């Protein structure tokens, strides 16, 4: 059994359990949380190094060989996603030290946070489609608990929408799993790839693929069932909003990349070229238009989560090595950038006690470091060179040009311009204009926790700059990942061959 694959799941699970046993000792829980985040990051980096140098890593639970037992698999895509999860987990754990109230801690913030991270990590590493469902449910339960911490009216309203749509998604997911098992007689992803790879497949396979597409599309906040996200992500404390914005929808995107590159590749003209492409374009456009109409920072950022998901979907829809590499690059770039923007919005709130742009102003002069730190992820999200977002957008758009998909290219460029408009709007209203008379006075400079808040923001901004200035290495990593996804024989051999 390969410990490198299992440890990234065990660390947050153990941290959650330890936080429960230390329920009365809040300081101990905080230290456990930070140490767990650091441990997850180190373990994930070890796993990525192992995958890069030794190939796909497989662990068989209980020594039961695939396809009979539960299998954990780490290829490049899984390992990259686990690394980014470790980065975000540590950043949010540190940020929470200065933002999480005693009442939130008293109702189980730290155990729920690490249970959710365990669910996210498990979803990235599982090689079994039913266990993917199980990990989805674990992170759904934990995220629901995090969303309602505090019990405010807006939180409860947002949580109801969040849970209702995600339960519908889970029901469709489970239905699809049942139909798939009835058809193929297996739930191991590698075994499914073999059994569904024949030239003559029933139309039922395409129907099952569409069920998975809708189920994962809801979890990824893709068009048309995305409205739960902007109704809920702005309601909990900002540390929770940040980890949700960075990770939760990307689990749905990851699942789409996994099943539509490994299992459902029999009718790509329809599933990818028609359905996924249309979904991606509409997701881009509706998300950015929703953001342009908002005037509250976290609502703007929430709609932009939807918009950017569209770029990831069209990368998968084009289904060429360059396009898939662009989509993978976009995923890990966006997780870092979007989490950081939510963390920045939390510091903006600490200064003036509001997320409403009409009640903010003057931060460029009173908090110049915050202004500079905002510009890095904001301009990266908009796709300005030489930041990471430019190379992500450029790769996806270049793939569209090479395939002659001019509608997608045009929409991607227009959405990029509207994204820039939204970021400039936040800059002009919150940083550049003067503070309105009715706004609360500046209070952030007297905040004793200010340096704790700035720490994760600075680190994430440096990561964004590193991805941008070191884009060649990251693009090569994304290209290698795309080659693995588009040539699944290596994945199948690692899972099924290694068990024989």
Protein backbone atom coordinates (compact mmCIF):
# COMPACT_ATOMS: atom_id res chain seq x y z
CA UNK A 1 0.00 0.00 0.00
CA UNK A 2 1.45 3.35 -1.05
CA UNK A 3 1.28 5.74 1.89
CA UNK A 4 1.88 8.82 -0.27
CA UNK A 5 -1.61 8.45 -1.75
CA UNK A 6 -3.40 7.88 1.56
CA UNK A 7 -1.69 10.41 3.84
CA UNK A 8 -3.22 13.55 2.20
CA UNK A 9 -6.67 12.17 3.12
CA UNK A 10 -5.70 11.00 6.59
CA UNK A 11 -4.16 14.31 7.71
CA UNK A 12 -7.35 16.46 7.56
CA UNK A 13 -9.47 13.56 8.84
CA UNK A 14 -7.18 13.16 11.85
CA UNK A 15 -7.13 16.93 12.38
CA UNK A 16 -10.91 17.04 12.41
CA UNK A 17 -11.06 14.22 14.94
CA UNK A 18 -8.43 15.86 17.17
CA UNK A 19 -10.31 19.16 17.05
CA UNK A 20 -13.41 17.33 18.26
CA UNK A 21 -11.53 15.78 21.16
CA UNK A 22 -10.17 19.24 22.06
CA UNK A 23 -13.61 20.85 21.85
CA UNK A 24 -13.12 22.98 24.98
CA UNK A 25 -9.61 24.15 24.11
CA UNK A 26 -9.97 26.64 21.28
CA UNK A 27 -6.27 27.57 21.18
CA UNK A 28 -5.34 23.92 20.72
CA UNK A 29 -7.84 23.63 17.87
CA UNK A 30 -6.28 26.62 16.15
CA UNK A 31 -2.81 25.13 16.34
CA UNK A 32 -4.08 21.76 15.12
CA UNK A 33 -5.75 23.50 12.20
CA UNK A 34 -2.62 25.35 11.08
CA UNK A 35 -0.37 22.32 11.56
CA UNK A 36 -2.82 20.17 9.61
CA UNK A 37 -2.86 22.66 6.75
CA UNK A 38 0.93 22.67 6.68
CA UNK A 39 1.05 18.88 6.87
CA UNK A 40 -1.42 18.51 4.02
CA UNK A 41 0.62 20.86 1.86
CA UNK A 42 3.87 18.98 2.52
CA UNK A 43 2.22 15.60 1.91
CA UNK A 44 0.67 16.83 -1.33
CA UNK A 45 4.01 18.15 -2.61
CA UNK A 46 5.61 14.79 -1.84
CA UNK A 47 2.80 13.09 -3.76
CA UNK A 48 3.20 15.37 -6.79
CA UNK A 49 6.96 14.74 -6.82
CA UNK A 50 6.34 10.99 -6.63
CA UNK A 51 3.84 11.08 -9.52
CA UNK A 52 6.12 13.21 -11.68
CA UNK A 53 9.14 10.95 -11.22
CA UNK A 54 7.62 7.47 -10.74
CA UNK A 55 4.37 7.69 -12.65
CA UNK A 56 0.77 7.16 -11.55
CA UNK A 57 0.49 6.00 -7.94
CA UNK A 58 -2.18 3.48 -6.87
CA UNK A 59 -3.19 2.27 -3.42
CA UNK A 60 -5.52 -0.72 -2.92
CA UNK A 61 -7.55 -0.51 0.29
CA UNK A 62 -7.49 -3.72 2.31
CA UNK A 63 -5.17 -5.22 -0.32
CA UNK A 64 -8.21 -5.97 -2.47
CA UNK A 65 -7.13 -5.68 -6.11
CA UNK A 66 -8.96 -3.53 -8.62
CA UNK A 67 -11.68 -3.63 -9.76
CA UNK A 68 -13.02 -5.51 -6.69
CA UNK A 69 -11.80 -3.27 -3.90
CA UNK A 70 -11.63 0.43 -3.21
CA UNK A 71 -8.79 2.05 -5.10
CA UNK A 72 -7.06 5.40 -4.60
CA UNK A 73 -5.27 6.77 -7.65
CA UNK A 74 -2.96 9.76 -8.02
CA UNK A 75 -2.13 10.88 -11.53
CA UNK A 76 -0.88 14.36 -12.42
CA UNK A 77 -4.35 15.93 -12.35
CA UNK A 78 -5.17 14.44 -8.94
CA UNK A 79 -1.79 15.38 -7.50
CA UNK A 80 -2.02 18.98 -8.75
CA UNK A 81 -5.49 19.37 -7.26
CA UNK A 82 -4.33 17.98 -3.91
CA UNK A 83 -1.38 20.39 -3.86
CA UNK A 84 -3.66 23.36 -4.48
CA UNK A 85 -6.00 22.05 -1.76
CA UNK A 86 -3.06 22.04 0.64
CA UNK A 87 -2.16 25.63 -0.29
CA UNK A 88 -5.72 26.85 0.25
CA UNK A 89 -6.20 24.81 3.42
CA UNK A 90 -3.12 26.34 5.04
CA UNK A 91 -3.92 29.88 3.86
CA UNK A 92 -7.47 29.74 5.19
CA UNK A 93 -6.37 28.11 8.47
CA UNK A 94 -3.96 31.00 9.12
CA UNK A 95 -6.48 33.63 8.00
CA UNK A 96 -9.10 32.11 10.32
CA UNK A 97 -6.92 32.82 13.35
CA UNK A 98 -7.74 36.52 13.02
CA UNK A 99 -11.28 36.38 11.61
CA UNK A 100 -13.16 33.48 13.18
CA UNK A 101 -15.19 34.50 16.22
CA UNK A 102 -15.42 32.48 19.42
CA UNK A 103 -19.05 31.66 18.66
CA UNK A 104 -18.13 30.14 15.30
CA UNK A 105 -15.34 28.16 16.92
CA UNK A 106 -17.72 26.98 19.63
CA UNK A 107 -20.05 25.49 17.01
CA UNK A 108 -17.35 23.38 15.39
CA UNK A 109 -15.68 25.52 12.74
CA UNK A 110 -12.33 23.71 12.82
CA UNK A 111 -13.65 20.11 12.75
CA UNK A 112 -16.00 21.02 9.90
CA UNK A 113 -13.25 22.78 7.94
CA UNK A 114 -10.97 19.77 8.05
CA UNK A 115 -13.77 17.31 7.36
CA UNK A 116 -14.51 19.33 4.23
CA UNK A 117 -10.83 19.32 3.21
CA UNK A 118 -10.78 15.54 3.69
CA UNK A 119 -13.84 15.24 1.44
CA UNK A 120 -12.25 17.42 -1.23
CA UNK A 121 -8.97 15.48 -1.11
CA UNK A 122 -10.76 12.13 -1.18
CA UNK A 123 -12.76 13.19 -4.23
CA UNK A 124 -9.55 14.07 -6.06
CA UNK A 125 -7.84 10.76 -5.23
CA UNK A 126 -10.57 8.15 -5.51
CA UNK A 127 -10.49 5.73 -8.41
CA UNK A 128 -14.03 4.48 -7.84
CA UNK A 129 -17.13 6.29 -9.11
CA UNK A 130 -19.29 5.34 -6.11
CA UNK A 131 -16.65 6.50 -3.65
CA UNK A 132 -16.55 9.76 -5.58
CA UNK A 133 -20.20 10.09 -4.58
CA UNK A 134 -19.33 9.29 -0.95
CA UNK A 135 -16.63 11.96 -0.82
CA UNK A 136 -19.00 14.45 -2.43
CA UNK A 137 -21.51 13.80 0.35
CA UNK A 138 -18.86 14.20 3.05
CA UNK A 139 -17.82 17.60 1.75
CA UNK A 140 -21.48 18.58 1.22
CA UNK A 141 -22.35 17.82 4.86
CA UNK A 142 -19.30 19.69 6.14
CA UNK A 143 -19.84 22.67 3.83
CA UNK A 144 -23.49 22.93 4.87
CA UNK A 145 -22.41 23.01 8.51
CA UNK A 146 -19.88 25.73 7.73
CA UNK A 147 -22.42 27.77 5.77
CA UNK A 148 -24.94 27.98 8.61
CA UNK A 149 -22.42 28.78 11.37
CA UNK A 150 -23.74 31.89 13.06
CA UNK A 151 -27.37 31.23 12.14
CA UNK A 152 -28.00 34.61 10.51
CA UNK A 153 -31.07 34.96 8.32
CA UNK A 154 -29.10 35.55 5.12
CA UNK A 155 -26.96 32.51 5.86
CA UNK A 156 -29.97 30.24 6.38
CA UNK A 157 -31.61 31.44 3.17
CA UNK A 158 -28.43 30.90 1.17
CA UNK A 159 -27.82 27.52 2.80
CA UNK A 160 -31.30 26.27 1.87
CA UNK A 161 -30.68 27.06 -1.80
CA UNK A 162 -27.20 25.57 -1.63
CA UNK A 163 -28.30 22.32 -0.03
CA UNK A 164 -31.47 21.90 -2.12
CA UNK A 165 -29.67 22.11 -5.46
CA UNK A 166 -26.77 20.00 -4.27
CA UNK A 167 -29.10 17.30 -2.95
CA UNK A 168 -30.82 17.22 -6.35
CA UNK A 169 -27.37 16.89 -7.88
CA UNK A 170 -26.50 14.06 -5.50
CA UNK A 171 -29.73 12.23 -6.32
CA UNK A 172 -28.97 12.45 -10.04
CA UNK A 173 -25.39 11.36 -9.37
CA UNK A 174 -26.55 8.29 -7.43
CA UNK A 175 -29.11 7.45 -10.12
CA UNK A 176 -26.42 7.64 -12.78
CA UNK A 177 -24.12 5.44 -10.68
CA UNK A 178 -26.86 2.83 -10.36
CA UNK A 179 -27.57 2.81 -14.09
CA UNK A 180 -23.87 2.64 -14.87
CA UNK A 181 -23.35 -0.32 -12.55
CA UNK A 182 -26.37 -2.09 -14.01
CA UNK A 183 -24.97 -1.60 -17.51
CA UNK A 184 -21.26 -2.29 -16.97
CA UNK A 185 -21.19 -4.36 -13.77
CA UNK A 186 -18.35 -2.34 -12.24
CA UNK A 187 -17.74 1.00 -10.54
CA UNK A 188 -13.96 1.18 -10.82
CA UNK A 189 -13.18 4.05 -13.19
CA UNK A 190 -10.35 2.26 -14.99
CA UNK A 191 -12.48 -0.86 -15.43
CA UNK A 192 -15.36 1.29 -16.70
CA UNK A 193 -13.00 2.87 -19.24
CA UNK A 194 -12.18 -0.60 -20.56
CA UNK A 195 -15.75 -1.91 -20.65
CA UNK A 196 -17.22 1.21 -22.27
CA UNK A 197 -14.50 1.51 -24.87
CA UNK A 198 -16.09 -0.80 -27.44
CA UNK A 199 -17.05 0.53 -30.87
CA UNK A 200 -20.73 -0.35 -30.44
CA UNK A 201 -22.17 1.15 -27.28
CA UNK A 202 -25.81 1.50 -26.40
CA UNK A 203 -27.48 4.89 -26.46
CA UNK A 204 -28.01 4.28 -22.74
CA UNK A 205 -24.33 5.15 -22.21
CA UNK A 206 -24.92 8.62 -23.65
CA UNK A 207 -27.98 9.03 -21.43
CA UNK A 208 -25.93 8.07 -18.37
CA UNK A 209 -23.21 10.48 -19.48
CA UNK A 210 -25.78 13.29 -19.59
CA UNK A 211 -26.94 12.44 -16.07
CA UNK A 212 -23.37 12.74 -14.84
CA UNK A 213 -22.96 15.97 -16.79
CA UNK A 214 -26.00 17.55 -15.11
CA UNK A 215 -25.04 16.25 -11.65
CA UNK A 216 -21.47 17.51 -11.87
CA UNK A 217 -22.57 20.65 -13.70
CA UNK A 218 -24.74 21.63 -10.74
CA UNK A 219 -21.85 21.09 -8.32
CA UNK A 220 -19.56 23.10 -10.61
CA UNK A 221 -22.15 25.94 -10.81
CA UNK A 222 -22.39 25.64 -14.59
CA UNK A 223 -25.21 27.04 -16.73
CA UNK A 224 -28.18 26.82 -16.25
CA UNK A 225 -28.26 25.60 -12.61
CA UNK A 226 -25.74 27.99 -11.10
CA UNK A 227 -28.00 30.39 -9.20
CA UNK A 228 -27.42 28.70 -5.84
CA UNK A 229 -23.82 29.96 -5.78
CA UNK A 230 -24.26 33.77 -5.85
CA UNK A 231 -27.19 33.33 -3.46
CA UNK A 232 -25.07 31.57 -0.85
CA UNK A 233 -21.32 32.19 -1.12
CA UNK A 234 -21.48 35.77 0.13
CA UNK A 235 -23.37 34.89 3.33
CA UNK A 236 -20.90 33.05 5.66
CA UNK A 237 -17.76 34.56 7.25
CA UNK A 238 -15.16 35.50 4.68
CA UNK A 239 -12.72 32.68 5.51
CA UNK A 240 -15.49 30.18 4.73
CA UNK A 241 -16.47 32.06 1.57
CA UNK A 242 -12.84 31.98 0.45
CA UNK A 243 -12.38 28.22 0.82
CA UNK A 244 -15.76 27.62 -0.85
CA UNK A 245 -14.87 29.94 -3.74
CA UNK A 246 -11.52 28.30 -4.26
CA UNK A 247 -12.28 24.61 -3.89
CA UNK A 248 -15.90 23.47 -3.88
CA UNK A 249 -16.93 24.21 -7.47
CA UNK A 250 -13.56 22.89 -8.71
CA UNK A 251 -14.42 19.46 -7.32
CA UNK A 252 -17.33 19.42 -9.77
CA UNK A 253 -15.06 20.60 -12.58
CA UNK A 254 -12.49 17.95 -11.66
CA UNK A 255 -15.18 15.26 -11.80
CA UNK A 256 -16.20 16.45 -15.27
CA UNK A 257 -12.60 16.31 -16.47
CA UNK A 258 -12.15 12.85 -14.99
CA UNK A 259 -15.24 11.09 -16.32
CA UNK A 260 -15.37 12.86 -19.70
CA UNK A 261 -11.74 12.06 -20.48
CA UNK A 262 -11.63 8.53 -19.07
CA UNK A 263 -15.11 6.96 -19.16
CA UNK A 264 -17.45 8.80 -21.54
CA UNK A 265 -15.43 9.28 -24.72
CA UNK A 266 -17.62 7.24 -27.09
CA UNK A 267 -19.60 10.15 -28.57
CA UNK A 268 -17.38 13.20 -28.17
CA UNK A 269 -19.00 15.09 -31.06
CA UNK A 270 -22.21 15.28 -29.04
CA UNK A 271 -21.09 15.20 -25.39
CA UNK A 272 -18.07 17.47 -25.81
CA UNK A 273 -18.48 19.38 -29.04
CA UNK A 274 -22.15 20.21 -28.57
CA UNK A 275 -23.35 19.93 -24.96
CA UNK A 276 -20.19 20.79 -23.01
CA UNK A 277 -19.30 23.58 -25.42
CA UNK A 278 -22.74 25.18 -25.19
CA UNK A 279 -22.70 24.84 -21.41
CA UNK A 280 -19.26 26.43 -21.21
CA UNK A 281 -20.11 29.42 -23.42
CA UNK A 282 -23.39 30.17 -21.62
CA UNK A 283 -21.68 29.79 -18.23
CA UNK A 284 -19.02 32.33 -19.22
CA UNK A 285 -21.52 34.87 -20.51
CA UNK A 286 -24.22 34.63 -17.82
CA UNK A 287 -21.66 34.71 -15.01
CA UNK A 288 -19.89 37.84 -16.23
CA UNK A 289 -23.16 39.66 -16.95
CA UNK A 290 -24.36 38.86 -13.42
CA UNK A 291 -21.10 40.23 -12.01
CA UNK A 292 -21.37 43.43 -14.03
CA UNK A 293 -24.78 44.11 -12.50
CA UNK A 294 -23.64 43.73 -8.86
CA UNK A 295 -22.36 46.41 -6.49
CA UNK A 296 -21.34 44.27 -3.52
CA UNK A 297 -17.80 42.89 -3.54
CA UNK A 298 -18.49 39.29 -2.62
CA UNK A 299 -21.47 39.07 -4.97
CA UNK A 300 -19.30 40.32 -7.82
CA UNK A 301 -16.65 37.75 -6.98
CA UNK A 302 -19.27 34.99 -6.67
CA UNK A 303 -20.64 35.64 -10.15
CA UNK A 304 -17.11 35.63 -11.49
CA UNK A 305 -16.62 32.13 -10.11
CA UNK A 306 -19.40 31.07 -12.49
CA UNK A 307 -17.92 33.02 -15.38
CA UNK A 308 -14.46 31.49 -14.99
CA UNK A 309 -15.89 27.97 -14.73
CA UNK A 310 -16.99 28.51 -18.34
CA UNK A 311 -13.37 28.76 -19.52
CA UNK A 312 -12.58 25.44 -17.83
CA UNK A 313 -15.56 23.77 -19.48
CA UNK A 314 -14.71 24.96 -23.00
CA UNK A 315 -11.17 23.66 -22.50
CA UNK A 316 -12.65 20.20 -21.87
CA UNK A 317 -15.20 20.64 -24.66
CA UNK A 318 -12.55 21.29 -27.31
CA UNK A 319 -10.84 18.08 -26.16
CA UNK A 320 -7.45 18.71 -27.75
CA UNK A 321 -4.14 18.50 -25.85
CA UNK A 322 -3.68 22.27 -25.86
CA UNK A 323 -7.29 22.96 -24.82
CA UNK A 324 -7.27 20.44 -21.98
CA UNK A 325 -3.89 21.78 -20.81
CA UNK A 326 -5.38 25.28 -20.86
CA UNK A 327 -8.34 24.07 -18.81
CA UNK A 328 -6.08 22.40 -16.24
CA UNK A 329 -3.91 25.53 -16.04
CA UNK A 330 -7.06 27.59 -15.59
CA UNK A 331 -8.26 25.41 -12.72
CA UNK A 332 -5.22 25.76 -10.48
CA UNK A 333 -4.69 29.42 -11.41
CA UNK A 334 -8.30 30.26 -10.57
CA UNK A 335 -8.31 28.46 -7.23
CA UNK A 336 -5.39 30.60 -6.03
CA UNK A 337 -6.67 33.88 -7.46
CA UNK A 338 -10.30 33.56 -6.39
CA UNK A 339 -9.45 32.51 -2.85
CA UNK A 340 -7.11 35.49 -2.57
CA UNK A 341 -9.73 37.96 -3.80
CA UNK A 342 -12.15 36.79 -1.12
CA UNK A 343 -9.43 37.11 1.52
CA UNK A 344 -8.71 40.66 0.29
CA UNK A 345 -12.42 41.48 0.54
CA UNK A 346 -12.30 40.39 4.18
CA UNK A 347 -9.55 42.94 4.90
CA UNK A 348 -11.57 45.61 3.08
CA UNK A 349 -14.43 44.79 5.44
CA UNK A 350 -12.13 45.12 8.45
CA UNK A 351 -11.36 48.68 7.41
CA UNK A 352 -14.89 49.99 6.86
CA UNK A 353 -17.28 47.28 8.05
CA UNK A 354 -19.00 46.76 4.71
CA UNK A 355 -18.78 44.85 1.42
CA UNK A 356 -21.02 47.38 -0.33
CA UNK A 357 -18.98 49.45 -2.79
CA UNK A 358 -21.08 52.53 -2.05
CA UNK A 359 -19.83 52.42 1.56
CA UNK A 360 -16.17 51.91 0.69
CA UNK A 361 -13.53 54.29 -0.57
CA UNK A 362 -10.10 55.82 -0.10
CA UNK A 363 -8.24 52.55 0.47
CA UNK A 364 -5.62 53.39 -2.15
CA UNK A 365 -4.29 56.16 0.13
CA UNK A 366 -5.06 54.74 3.56
CA UNK A 367 -4.08 51.12 2.81
CA UNK A 368 -1.62 51.17 -0.13
CA UNK A 369 -0.37 47.65 0.57
CA UNK A 370 -3.90 46.32 0.38
CA UNK A 371 -4.39 48.16 -2.91
CA UNK A 372 -1.26 46.56 -4.37
CA UNK A 373 -2.25 43.12 -3.12
CA UNK A 374 -5.73 43.51 -4.62
CA UNK A 375 -4.32 44.38 -8.04
CA UNK A 376 -2.35 41.14 -8.38
CA UNK A 377 -5.28 38.65 -8.22
CA UNK A 378 -7.75 41.13 -9.77
CA UNK A 379 -5.67 41.73 -12.88
CA UNK A 380 -4.79 38.05 -13.06
CA UNK A 381 -8.51 37.19 -13.02
CA UNK A 382 -9.02 39.67 -15.86
CA UNK A 383 -6.21 38.05 -17.84
CA UNK A 384 -3.62 40.83 -18.01
CA UNK A 385 -0.02 39.82 -18.79
CA UNK A 386 2.30 38.70 -17.34
CA UNK A 387 0.06 37.28 -14.61
CA UNK A 388 -1.18 33.68 -14.44
CA UNK A 389 -4.65 34.48 -15.78
CA UNK A 390 -3.21 35.75 -19.06
CA UNK A 391 -1.52 32.45 -19.84
CA UNK A 392 -4.60 30.47 -18.78
CA UNK A 393 -6.89 32.50 -21.06
CA UNK A 394 -4.33 32.61 -23.86
CA UNK A 395 -3.94 28.83 -23.91
CA UNK A 396 -7.68 28.15 -24.01
CA UNK A 397 -8.32 30.84 -26.64
CA UNK A 398 -5.39 29.67 -28.78
CA UNK A 399 -6.82 26.15 -28.72
CA UNK A 400 -10.17 27.57 -29.88
CA UNK A 401 -8.48 29.44 -32.73
CA UNK A 402 -6.62 26.31 -33.87
CA UNK A 403 -9.91 24.38 -33.89
CA UNK A 404 -11.70 27.20 -35.72
CA UNK A 405 -14.32 27.63 -32.97
CA UNK A 406 -14.73 31.36 -33.52
CA UNK A 407 -17.90 31.77 -31.44
CA UNK A 408 -16.13 30.44 -28.36
CA UNK A 409 -13.10 32.63 -29.06
CA UNK A 410 -15.25 35.74 -29.45
CA UNK A 411 -17.21 35.04 -26.27
CA UNK A 412 -14.03 34.34 -24.30
CA UNK A 413 -12.51 37.67 -25.37
CA UNK A 414 -15.70 39.61 -24.58
CA UNK A 415 -16.00 37.93 -21.18
CA UNK A 416 -12.37 38.83 -20.47
CA UNK A 417 -13.10 42.50 -21.16
CA UNK A 418 -16.19 42.45 -18.93
CA UNK A 419 -14.15 40.77 -16.19
CA UNK A 420 -11.67 43.61 -16.42
CA UNK A 421 -14.59 46.05 -16.14
CA UNK A 422 -15.74 44.41 -12.89
CA UNK A 423 -12.27 44.49 -11.37
CA UNK A 424 -11.81 48.14 -12.37
CA UNK A 425 -15.21 48.90 -10.82
CA UNK A 426 -14.09 47.46 -7.48
CA UNK A 427 -10.82 49.39 -7.72
CA UNK A 428 -12.52 52.68 -8.60
CA UNK A 429 -15.19 52.42 -5.91
CA UNK A 430 -13.33 50.84 -3.00
CA UNK A 431 -9.79 52.13 -3.50
CA UNK A 432 -9.73 55.23 -5.71
CA UNK A 433 -12.75 57.35 -4.85
CA UNK A 434 -12.97 59.19 -1.54
CA UNK A 435 -14.66 57.66 1.45
CA UNK A 436 -18.38 58.57 1.46
CA UNK A 437 -19.55 60.76 4.34
CA UNK A 438 -22.00 58.13 5.61
CA UNK A 439 -19.37 55.35 5.58
CA UNK A 440 -17.71 54.07 8.72
CA UNK A 441 -14.33 55.64 9.53
CA UNK A 442 -11.07 53.87 8.92
CA UNK A 443 -10.37 51.29 11.59
CA UNK A 444 -8.13 48.70 9.97
CA UNK A 445 -4.84 50.33 10.92
CA UNK A 446 -5.64 49.81 14.58
CA UNK A 447 -6.47 46.12 14.05
CA UNK A 448 -3.97 44.02 16.06
CA UNK A 449 -4.59 41.04 13.75
CA UNK A 450 -3.82 42.90 10.54
CA UNK A 451 -0.48 41.17 9.95
CA UNK A 452 -2.09 37.76 10.33
CA UNK A 453 -4.64 38.73 7.70
CA UNK A 454 -2.01 40.00 5.29
CA UNK A 455 0.18 36.89 5.56
CA UNK A 456 -1.94 34.46 3.47
CA UNK A 457 -2.82 37.23 1.00
CA UNK A 458 0.86 38.01 0.37
CA UNK A 459 1.73 34.33 -0.08
CA UNK A 460 -1.12 33.70 -2.53
CA UNK A 461 -0.20 36.85 -4.47
CA UNK A 462 3.40 35.61 -4.71
CA UNK A 463 2.15 32.25 -5.98
CA UNK A 464 0.11 34.06 -8.65
CA UNK A 465 3.21 36.02 -9.70
CA UNK A 466 5.29 32.84 -9.70
CA UNK A 467 2.81 31.06 -11.96
CA UNK A 468 2.82 34.08 -14.28
CA UNK A 469 6.57 34.68 -14.47
CA UNK A 470 7.34 30.96 -14.44
CA UNK A 471 4.54 30.11 -16.85
CA UNK A 472 6.68 27.84 -19.03
CA UNK A 473 7.14 25.26 -16.27
CA UNK A 474 3.47 25.35 -15.30
CA UNK A 475 2.31 25.11 -18.92
CA UNK A 476 4.57 22.10 -19.41
CA UNK A 477 3.06 20.52 -16.30
CA UNK A 478 -0.43 21.21 -17.65
CA UNK A 479 0.53 19.75 -21.04
CA UNK A 480 1.83 16.58 -19.39
CA UNK A 481 -1.43 16.36 -17.44
CA UNK A 482 -3.46 16.77 -20.64
CA UNK A 483 -1.47 14.01 -22.32
CA UNK A 484 -2.28 11.68 -19.43
CA UNK A 485 -5.97 12.55 -19.60
CA UNK A 486 -6.23 12.13 -23.37
CA UNK A 487 -4.22 8.87 -23.34
CA UNK A 488 -5.90 6.93 -20.52
CA UNK A 489 -4.06 3.68 -21.25
CA UNK A 490 -1.42 4.58 -18.66
CA UNK A 491 -4.10 5.21 -16.01
CA UNK A 492 -5.83 1.92 -16.85
CA UNK A 493 -2.58 -0.06 -16.78
CA UNK A 494 -1.55 1.48 -13.46
CA UNK A 495 -4.86 0.59 -11.81
CA UNK A 496 -5.72 -2.76 -13.38
CA UNK A 497 -2.25 -3.99 -14.33
CA UNK A 498 -0.82 -3.30 -10.91
CA UNK A 499 -3.47 -5.42 -9.23
CA UNK A 500 -2.75 -8.58 -11.19
